[in-house]
C-alpha atoms as a PDB file:
ATOM      1  CA  MET A   1      11.970  -0.964  -9.357  1.00  0.00           C
ATOM      2  CA  GLU A   2      14.221  -0.796  -6.324  1.00  0.00           C
ATOM      3  CA  GLN A   3      14.104   2.997  -6.419  1.00  0.00           C
ATOM      4  CA  ALA A   4      10.274   2.892  -6.521  1.00  0.00           C
ATOM      5  CA  ASN A   5      10.231   0.503  -3.539  1.00  0.00           C
ATOM      6  CA  GLN A   6      12.517   2.856  -1.612  1.00  0.00           C
ATOM      7  CA  GLN A   7      10.294   5.814  -2.466  1.00  0.00           C
ATOM      8  CA  ILE A   8       7.197   3.923  -1.274  1.00  0.00           C
ATOM      9  CA  THR A   9       8.967   2.927   1.939  1.00  0.00           C
ATOM     10  CA  ARG A  10      10.051   6.521   2.585  1.00  0.00           C
ATOM     11  CA  LEU A  11       6.539   7.850   1.965  1.00  0.00           C
ATOM     12  CA  LEU A  12       5.021   5.159   4.202  1.00  0.00           C
ATOM     13  CA  ARG A  13       7.341   6.089   7.039  1.00  0.00           C
ATOM     14  CA  ASP A  14       6.632   9.798   6.550  1.00  0.00           C
ATOM     15  CA  TRP A  15       2.899   9.109   6.541  1.00  0.00           C
ATOM     16  CA  GLY A  16       3.243   6.930   9.653  1.00  0.00           C
ATOM     17  CA  ALA A  17       5.037   9.836  11.323  1.00  0.00           C
ATOM     18  CA  GLY A  18       2.066  12.097  10.642  1.00  0.00           C
ATOM     19  CA  ASP A  19       2.895  13.705   7.278  1.00  0.00           C
ATOM     20  CA  ALA A  20      -0.502  13.871   5.517  1.00  0.00           C
ATOM     21  CA  ALA A  21       1.122  15.134   2.308  1.00  0.00           C
ATOM     22  CA  ALA A  22       3.111  11.878   2.126  1.00  0.00           C
ATOM     23  CA  LEU A  23      -0.177   9.973   1.857  1.00  0.00           C
ATOM     24  CA  GLU A  24      -1.209  12.107  -1.114  1.00  0.00           C
ATOM     25  CA  ARG A  25       2.092  11.323  -2.874  1.00  0.00           C
ATOM     26  CA  LEU A  26       1.900   7.643  -1.884  1.00  0.00           C
ATOM     27  CA  THR A  27      -1.604   6.935  -3.164  1.00  0.00           C
ATOM     28  CA  PRO A  28      -0.883   7.008  -6.918  1.00  0.00           C
ATOM     29  CA  LEU A  29       2.215   4.867  -6.381  1.00  0.00           C
ATOM     30  CA  VAL A  30       0.367   2.022  -4.624  1.00  0.00           C
ATOM     31  CA  TYR A  31      -3.114   2.156  -6.129  1.00  0.00           C
ATOM     32  CA  ALA A  32      -2.384  -0.131  -9.092  1.00  0.00           C
ATOM     33  CA  GLU A  33      -0.829  -2.780  -6.832  1.00  0.00           C
ATOM     34  CA  LEU A  34      -3.755  -2.527  -4.402  1.00  0.00           C
ATOM     35  CA  HIS A  35      -6.076  -3.061  -7.348  1.00  0.00           C
ATOM     36  CA  GLN A  36      -4.085  -6.145  -8.437  1.00  0.00           C
ATOM     37  CA  LEU A  37      -4.220  -7.516  -4.891  1.00  0.00           C
ATOM     38  CA  ALA A  38      -7.989  -6.958  -4.763  1.00  0.00           C
ATOM     39  CA  HIS A  39      -8.335  -8.601  -8.186  1.00  0.00           C
ATOM     40  CA  ARG A  40      -6.549 -11.708  -6.867  1.00  0.00           C
ATOM     41  CA  TYR A  41      -8.979 -11.845  -3.952  1.00  0.00           C
ATOM     42  CA  MET A  42     -11.986 -11.336  -6.186  1.00  0.00           C
ATOM     43  CA  ARG A  43     -10.872 -14.185  -8.477  1.00  0.00           C
ATOM     44  CA  ARG A  44     -11.394 -16.435  -5.460  1.00  0.00           C
ATOM     45  CA  GLU A  45     -14.943 -15.142  -5.022  1.00  0.00           C
ATOM     46  CA  GLN A  46     -17.884 -16.772  -6.736  1.00  0.00           C
ATOM     47  CA  ALA A  47     -19.626 -15.027  -9.589  1.00  0.00           C
ATOM     48  CA  GLY A  48     -22.427 -12.747  -8.495  1.00  0.00           C
ATOM     49  CA  ASN A  49     -20.580 -11.324  -5.525  1.00  0.00           C
ATOM     50  CA  SER A  50     -21.999  -7.885  -4.841  1.00  0.00           C
ATOM     51  CA  LEU A  51     -18.561  -6.497  -3.990  1.00  0.00           C
ATOM     52  CA  GLN A  52     -16.467  -5.587  -7.022  1.00  0.00           C
ATOM     53  CA  THR A  53     -12.687  -5.210  -7.251  1.00  0.00           C
ATOM     54  CA  THR A  54     -12.681  -1.404  -7.226  1.00  0.00           C
ATOM     55  CA  ALA A  55     -15.103  -1.334  -4.287  1.00  0.00           C
ATOM     56  CA  LEU A  56     -12.816  -3.715  -2.374  1.00  0.00           C
ATOM     57  CA  VAL A  57      -9.821  -1.475  -3.097  1.00  0.00           C
ATOM     58  CA  ASN A  58     -11.716   1.610  -1.993  1.00  0.00           C
ATOM     59  CA  GLU A  59     -13.009   0.025   1.207  1.00  0.00           C
ATOM     60  CA  ALA A  60      -9.553  -1.302   2.100  1.00  0.00           C
ATOM     61  CA  TYR A  61      -8.010   2.081   1.288  1.00  0.00           C
ATOM     62  CA  LEU A  62     -10.447   3.846   3.612  1.00  0.00           C
ATOM     63  CA  LYS A  63      -9.499   1.435   6.385  1.00  0.00           C
ATOM     64  CA  LEU A  64      -5.786   1.964   5.666  1.00  0.00           C
ATOM     65  CA  VAL A  65      -6.160   5.734   5.809  1.00  0.00           C
ATOM     66  CA  GLY A  66      -7.970   5.344   9.115  1.00  0.00           C
ATOM     67  CA  LEU A  67      -5.107   3.432  10.723  1.00  0.00           C
ATOM     68  CA  GLN A  68      -3.298   5.509  13.309  1.00  0.00           C
ATOM     69  CA  ASP A  69       0.341   5.394  14.386  1.00  0.00           C
ATOM     70  CA  VAL A  70       1.366   2.443  12.228  1.00  0.00           C
ATOM     71  CA  PRO A  71       5.152   2.056  12.195  1.00  0.00           C
ATOM     72  CA  TRP A  72       5.321   1.127   8.498  1.00  0.00           C
ATOM     73  CA  GLN A  73       8.414  -0.968   7.830  1.00  0.00           C
ATOM     74  CA  ASP A  74       8.383  -1.017   4.043  1.00  0.00           C
ATOM     75  CA  ARG A  75       6.343  -1.656   0.916  1.00  0.00           C
ATOM     76  CA  THR A  76       5.946  -5.374   1.681  1.00  0.00           C
ATOM     77  CA  HIS A  77       4.631  -4.605   5.163  1.00  0.00           C
ATOM     78  CA  PHE A  78       2.097  -2.176   3.673  1.00  0.00           C
ATOM     79  CA  PHE A  79       0.785  -4.747   1.207  1.00  0.00           C
ATOM     80  CA  ALA A  80       0.677  -7.457   3.888  1.00  0.00           C
ATOM     81  CA  ILE A  81      -1.567  -5.239   6.006  1.00  0.00           C
ATOM     82  CA  SER A  82      -3.602  -4.374   2.907  1.00  0.00           C
ATOM     83  CA  ALA A  83      -4.081  -8.082   2.164  1.00  0.00           C
ATOM     84  CA  ASN A  84      -5.258  -8.659   5.720  1.00  0.00           C
ATOM     85  CA  LEU A  85      -7.760  -5.812   5.484  1.00  0.00           C
ATOM     86  CA  MET A  86      -9.143  -7.112   2.182  1.00  0.00           C
ATOM     87  CA  ARG A  87      -9.502 -10.599   3.634  1.00  0.00           C
ATOM     88  CA  ARG A  88     -11.367  -9.188   6.644  1.00  0.00           C
ATOM     89  CA  ILE A  89     -13.717  -7.193   4.378  1.00  0.00           C
ATOM     90  CA  LEU A  90     -14.573 -10.277   2.298  1.00  0.00           C
ATOM     91  CA  VAL A  91     -15.009 -12.533   5.333  1.00  0.00           C
ATOM     92  CA  ASP A  92     -17.240  -9.948   7.014  1.00  0.00           C
ATOM     93  CA  ALA A  93     -19.327  -9.719   3.825  1.00  0.00           C
ATOM     94  CA  ALA A  94     -19.602 -13.516   3.667  1.00  0.00           C
ATOM     95  CA  ARG A  95     -20.648 -13.671   7.325  1.00  0.00           C
ATOM     96  CA  ALA A  96     -23.193 -10.904   6.760  1.00  0.00           C
ATOM     97  CA  LYS A  97     -24.828 -13.034   4.066  1.00  0.00           C
ATOM     98  CA  GLY A  98     -25.579 -15.607   6.731  1.00  0.00           C
ATOM     99  CA  THR A  99     -23.081 -18.115   5.428  1.00  0.00           C
ATOM    100  CA  GLY A 100     -21.242 -18.372   8.718  1.00  0.00           C
ATOM    101  CA  LYS A 101     -23.612 -20.971  10.111  1.00  0.00           C
ATOM    102  CA  ARG A 102     -21.939 -24.187  11.179  1.00  0.00           C
ATOM    103  CA  GLY A 103     -23.076 -27.194   9.230  1.00  0.00           C
ATOM    104  CA  GLY A 104     -22.283 -30.848   9.048  1.00  0.00           C
ATOM    105  CA  GLN A 105     -21.220 -30.788   5.433  1.00  0.00           C
ATOM    106  CA  ALA A 106     -17.526 -31.010   4.674  1.00  0.00           C
ATOM    107  CA  ILE A 107     -16.289 -28.431   2.225  1.00  0.00           C
ATOM    108  CA  ARG A 108     -13.366 -29.446   0.041  1.00  0.00           C
ATOM    109  CA  MET A 109     -10.727 -26.758  -0.382  1.00  0.00           C
ATOM    110  CA  GLU A 110      -7.287 -26.607  -1.935  1.00  0.00           C
ATOM    111  CA  LEU A 111      -4.497 -24.503  -0.480  1.00  0.00           C
ATOM    112  CA  ASN A 112      -2.167 -24.157  -3.409  1.00  0.00           C
ATOM    113  CA  GLU A 113       0.963 -22.057  -3.470  1.00  0.00           C
ATOM    114  CA  SER A 114      -0.620 -19.968  -6.174  1.00  0.00           C
ATOM    115  CA  ILE A 115      -3.668 -17.843  -5.758  1.00  0.00           C
ATOM    116  CA  ASP A 116      -4.985 -18.921  -9.134  1.00  0.00           C
ATOM    117  CA  GLY A 117      -7.146 -21.674  -7.660  1.00  0.00           C
ATOM    118  CA  SER A 118     -10.858 -22.069  -8.106  1.00  0.00           C
ATOM    119  CA  PRO A 119     -13.221 -19.514  -6.592  1.00  0.00           C
ATOM    120  CA  LEU A 120     -14.129 -19.862  -2.940  1.00  0.00           C
ATOM    121  CA  ARG A 121     -17.797 -19.943  -2.031  1.00  0.00           C
ATOM    122  CA  PRO A 122     -18.710 -17.608   0.833  1.00  0.00           C
ATOM    123  CA  GLU A 123     -19.099 -20.547   3.226  1.00  0.00           C
ATOM    124  CA  GLN A 124     -15.637 -21.812   2.250  1.00  0.00           C
ATOM    125  CA  LEU A 125     -14.120 -18.405   2.936  1.00  0.00           C
ATOM    126  CA  VAL A 126     -15.808 -18.288   6.343  1.00  0.00           C
ATOM    127  CA  ARG A 127     -14.670 -21.825   7.219  1.00  0.00           C
ATOM    128  CA  LEU A 128     -11.115 -21.043   6.103  1.00  0.00           C
ATOM    129  CA  ASP A 129     -11.148 -17.876   8.185  1.00  0.00           C
ATOM    130  CA  ASP A 130     -12.381 -19.802  11.230  1.00  0.00           C
ATOM    131  CA  ALA A 131      -9.641 -22.401  10.715  1.00  0.00           C
ATOM    132  CA  LEU A 132      -7.022 -19.641  10.356  1.00  0.00           C
ATOM    133  CA  GLU A 133      -8.231 -18.103  13.621  1.00  0.00           C
ATOM    134  CA  ALA A 134      -7.787 -21.498  15.315  1.00  0.00           C
ATOM    135  CA  LEU A 135      -4.312 -21.848  13.791  1.00  0.00           C
ATOM    136  CA  ALA A 136      -3.418 -18.348  14.995  1.00  0.00           C
ATOM    137  CA  LYS A 137      -4.213 -19.431  18.561  1.00  0.00           C
ATOM    138  CA  LEU A 138      -1.933 -22.435  18.124  1.00  0.00           C
ATOM    139  CA  ASP A 139       0.845 -20.619  16.263  1.00  0.00           C
ATOM    140  CA  PRO A 140       0.356 -16.994  15.139  1.00  0.00           C
ATOM    141  CA  ARG A 141       3.314 -17.016  12.757  1.00  0.00           C
ATOM    142  CA  LYS A 142       2.055 -20.035  10.851  1.00  0.00           C
ATOM    143  CA  ALA A 143      -1.336 -18.379  10.409  1.00  0.00           C
ATOM    144  CA  LYS A 144       0.381 -15.220   9.188  1.00  0.00           C
ATOM    145  CA  VAL A 145       2.373 -17.275   6.657  1.00  0.00           C
ATOM    146  CA  VAL A 146      -0.885 -18.648   5.208  1.00  0.00           C
ATOM    147  CA  GLU A 147      -2.435 -15.205   5.110  1.00  0.00           C
ATOM    148  CA  LEU A 148       0.546 -13.648   3.350  1.00  0.00           C
ATOM    149  CA  ARG A 149       1.122 -16.464   0.865  1.00  0.00           C
ATOM    150  CA  PHE A 150      -2.383 -17.708   0.114  1.00  0.00           C
ATOM    151  CA  PHE A 151      -4.313 -14.468   0.373  1.00  0.00           C
ATOM    152  CA  GLY A 152      -1.621 -11.873  -0.197  1.00  0.00           C
ATOM    153  CA  GLY A 153       0.156 -13.701  -2.977  1.00  0.00           C
ATOM    154  CA  LEU A 154       3.582 -13.065  -1.450  1.00  0.00           C
ATOM    155  CA  THR A 155       6.504 -15.320  -2.274  1.00  0.00           C
ATOM    156  CA  ALA A 156       8.324 -17.249   0.432  1.00  0.00           C
ATOM    157  CA  GLU A 157      11.100 -14.647   0.328  1.00  0.00           C
ATOM    158  CA  GLU A 158       8.685 -11.705   0.647  1.00  0.00           C
ATOM    159  CA  THR A 159       6.862 -13.460   3.482  1.00  0.00           C
ATOM    160  CA  ALA A 160      10.187 -14.082   5.223  1.00  0.00           C
ATOM    161  CA  GLU A 161      11.025 -10.399   4.879  1.00  0.00           C
ATOM    162  CA  VAL A 162       7.719  -9.329   6.468  1.00  0.00           C
ATOM    163  CA  LEU A 163       8.001 -11.845   9.313  1.00  0.00           C
ATOM    164  CA  LYS A 164      11.750 -11.352   9.830  1.00  0.00           C
ATOM    165  CA  VAL A 165      12.509 -15.073   9.500  1.00  0.00           C
ATOM    166  CA  SER A 166      14.304 -17.190   6.924  1.00  0.00           C
ATOM    167  CA  ALA A 167      12.625 -18.341   3.720  1.00  0.00           C
ATOM    168  CA  LYS A 168      13.234 -21.946   4.867  1.00  0.00           C
ATOM    169  CA  SER A 169      11.247 -21.241   8.026  1.00  0.00           C
ATOM    170  CA  VAL A 170       8.436 -19.842   5.905  1.00  0.00           C
ATOM    171  CA  LEU A 171       8.399 -22.957   3.719  1.00  0.00           C
ATOM    172  CA  ARG A 172       8.334 -25.224   6.794  1.00  0.00           C
ATOM    173  CA  ASP A 173       5.505 -23.171   8.302  1.00  0.00           C
ATOM    174  CA  TRP A 174       3.654 -23.213   4.974  1.00  0.00           C
ATOM    175  CA  SER A 175       3.919 -26.996   4.672  1.00  0.00           C
ATOM    176  CA  PHE A 176       2.744 -27.576   8.256  1.00  0.00           C
ATOM    177  CA  SER A 177      -0.061 -25.025   7.953  1.00  0.00           C
ATOM    178  CA  ARG A 178      -1.504 -26.476   4.763  1.00  0.00           C
ATOM    179  CA  SER A 179      -1.627 -29.950   6.322  1.00  0.00           C
ATOM    180  CA  TRP A 180      -3.074 -28.646   9.580  1.00  0.00           C
ATOM    181  CA  LEU A 181      -5.739 -26.574   7.809  1.00  0.00           C
ATOM    182  CA  MET A 182      -6.787 -29.488   5.596  1.00  0.00           C
ATOM    183  CA  LEU A 183      -7.327 -31.631   8.685  1.00  0.00           C
ATOM    184  CA  GLU A 184      -9.172 -28.799  10.422  1.00  0.00           C
ATOM    185  CA  LEU A 185     -11.453 -28.231   7.421  1.00  0.00           C
ATOM    186  CA  LYS A 186     -12.476 -31.898   7.114  1.00  0.00           C
END
């Protein structure tokens, strides 16, 4: 496993440095994990969503390939950016359906440590995204912790690695962020 992670990191750095052949070698190594990440996102979507898991992977992959001059740090960094892209795709789709209108109804949401929670309705996803944007203005790192843990499914240790902070800091940020978001969403 460690050897595979090192190979992915090396290929990411080569690709970031402009080696197109590295992307060709990287793709089969990361596709299955991208698909799992997309599957986790899609489990949060309500039934009947027009976007399917494979389509989400493909759309995110096209956006990843289009990124220019990214100084890829490692495998975890790659999947954190992938998670962000998938979140943006789903939020944009939810907004496009006209669910982004502000309403007076409170929407109950749970921010569990796992990503196995109940599906999010499009309006919940939009409201959560709006609240995350507000949190990012207050404290960008705390918003990133939520994105990586809740949406990306990263552990506290993996999140700490991406953000270059301690796992204890991540857990403190996570605790604060969940409370803050719950108040913001009420």
